[in-house]
Amino acid sequence: MRVQPEIREREKIPHPDASALDLVTIMRTLGDPLRLEIVRLLADDRERNCNDLSAVLGIPGSTGSYHLRLLREAGVTRTRAVGTRRLISLRRDDLEARFPGLVEVLTR
């Protein structure tokens, strides 16, 4: 079965361009202890399923999705769709290129 182009477009998950990352937005987003904990969990550079992250953090899936969306929109994480699953990773390279040393400070 061939996927319609408009369906493919809906499946694409938007992320800010690396050049558009804003330190104030990132820091405001990471001001929440739960979101900072998510970044620390992702610091090992492994992709995590959003449901697994919610389970590790002991929060409902809807709460996890909310916080993960904020992190993605701020440019801190990348979300990749694999079927119905969403795999989350830290945008370490983009963050380091734009703000050298930031990831190290956040993950101590």
Protein backbone atom coordinates (compact mmCIF):
# COMPACT_ATOMS: atom_id res chain seq x y z
CA MET A 1 0.00 0.00 0.00
CA ARG A 2 1.34 3.39 -0.97
CA VAL A 3 1.18 6.19 1.62
CA GLN A 4 -0.36 9.43 0.44
CA PRO A 5 2.05 12.43 0.53
CA GLU A 6 -0.27 14.37 2.84
CA ILE A 7 -0.24 11.49 5.34
CA ARG A 8 3.58 11.43 5.32
CA GLU A 9 3.58 15.16 6.02
CA ARG A 10 1.32 14.69 9.05
CA GLU A 11 3.67 12.04 10.43
CA LYS A 12 6.64 14.41 10.38
CA ILE A 13 7.43 15.69 13.85
CA PRO A 14 8.53 19.36 13.83
CA HIS A 15 11.78 20.38 15.52
CA PRO A 16 13.41 23.80 15.66
CA ASP A 17 16.44 24.24 13.45
CA ALA A 18 19.74 24.09 15.37
CA SER A 19 20.50 27.68 14.42
CA ALA A 20 17.22 28.79 16.02
CA LEU A 21 17.93 27.29 19.45
CA ASP A 22 17.51 29.97 22.10
CA LEU A 23 19.28 29.70 25.45
CA VAL A 24 16.56 31.58 27.35
CA THR A 25 13.87 29.23 26.03
CA ILE A 26 15.96 26.18 26.81
CA MET A 27 16.74 27.31 30.35
CA ARG A 28 13.12 28.25 31.03
CA THR A 29 12.03 24.82 29.79
CA LEU A 30 14.64 23.06 31.93
CA GLY A 31 13.61 25.05 35.00
CA ASP A 32 11.11 22.31 35.72
CA PRO A 33 12.80 19.53 37.78
CA LEU A 34 10.96 16.77 35.89
CA ARG A 35 12.16 18.02 32.51
CA LEU A 36 15.70 18.35 33.82
CA GLU A 37 15.48 14.74 35.02
CA ILE A 38 14.37 13.66 31.54
CA VAL A 39 17.47 15.33 30.06
CA ARG A 40 19.65 13.54 32.60
CA LEU A 41 18.05 10.20 31.69
CA LEU A 42 18.73 10.88 28.00
CA ALA A 43 22.34 11.91 28.63
CA ASP A 44 23.58 8.38 27.86
CA ASP A 45 22.66 9.12 24.21
CA ARG A 46 20.27 6.17 23.92
CA GLU A 47 16.87 6.67 22.34
CA ARG A 48 14.04 6.03 24.76
CA ASN A 49 10.41 5.23 24.12
CA CYS A 50 8.18 7.93 25.63
CA ASN A 51 6.21 5.27 27.56
CA ASP A 52 9.43 3.90 29.07
CA LEU A 53 10.45 7.39 30.20
CA SER A 54 7.06 7.93 31.83
CA ALA A 55 7.34 4.58 33.62
CA VAL A 56 10.87 5.32 34.92
CA LEU A 57 9.73 8.73 36.14
CA GLY A 58 6.55 7.32 37.69
CA ILE A 59 4.22 9.69 35.85
CA PRO A 60 1.16 9.14 33.64
CA GLY A 61 1.79 8.89 29.91
CA SER A 62 -0.14 12.09 29.25
CA THR A 63 2.08 14.01 31.67
CA GLY A 64 5.18 12.53 30.06
CA SER A 65 3.95 13.47 26.59
CA TYR A 66 3.36 17.04 27.72
CA HIS A 67 6.86 17.46 29.13
CA LEU A 68 8.47 15.74 26.15
CA ARG A 69 6.62 18.07 23.77
CA LEU A 70 7.96 21.11 25.63
CA LEU A 71 11.51 19.73 25.49
CA ARG A 72 11.17 19.03 21.75
CA GLU A 73 9.73 22.46 21.00
CA ALA A 74 12.59 24.10 22.92
CA GLY A 75 15.08 22.12 20.83
CA VAL A 76 16.47 20.03 23.68
CA THR A 77 15.26 16.65 22.41
CA ARG A 78 14.54 14.96 19.10
CA THR A 79 11.50 12.74 18.64
CA ARG A 80 11.49 10.07 15.95
CA ALA A 81 8.34 8.23 14.93
CA VAL A 82 8.59 4.48 14.39
CA GLY A 83 5.09 3.27 13.64
CA THR A 84 3.00 4.28 16.62
CA ARG A 85 6.04 4.53 18.92
CA ARG A 86 7.92 7.74 19.60
CA LEU A 87 11.63 7.50 20.33
CA ILE A 88 13.20 10.38 22.20
CA SER A 89 16.87 11.39 22.21
CA LEU A 90 18.92 14.31 23.46
CA ARG A 91 20.06 16.76 20.76
CA ARG A 92 23.55 16.73 22.25
CA ASP A 93 25.44 17.67 19.06
CA ASP A 94 23.13 20.58 18.26
CA LEU A 95 23.19 21.86 21.84
CA GLU A 96 26.99 21.56 22.08
CA ALA A 97 27.51 23.32 18.75
CA ARG A 98 25.28 26.21 19.79
CA PHE A 99 26.10 26.36 23.54
CA PRO A 100 29.41 24.61 24.29
CA GLY A 101 29.45 23.00 27.74
CA LEU A 102 25.71 23.31 28.35
CA VAL A 103 24.94 19.59 28.26
CA GLU A 104 27.76 18.84 30.70
CA VAL A 105 26.44 21.41 33.17
CA LEU A 106 22.87 20.12 32.87
CA THR A 107 23.76 16.47 33.32
CA ARG A 108 25.95 16.73 36.44
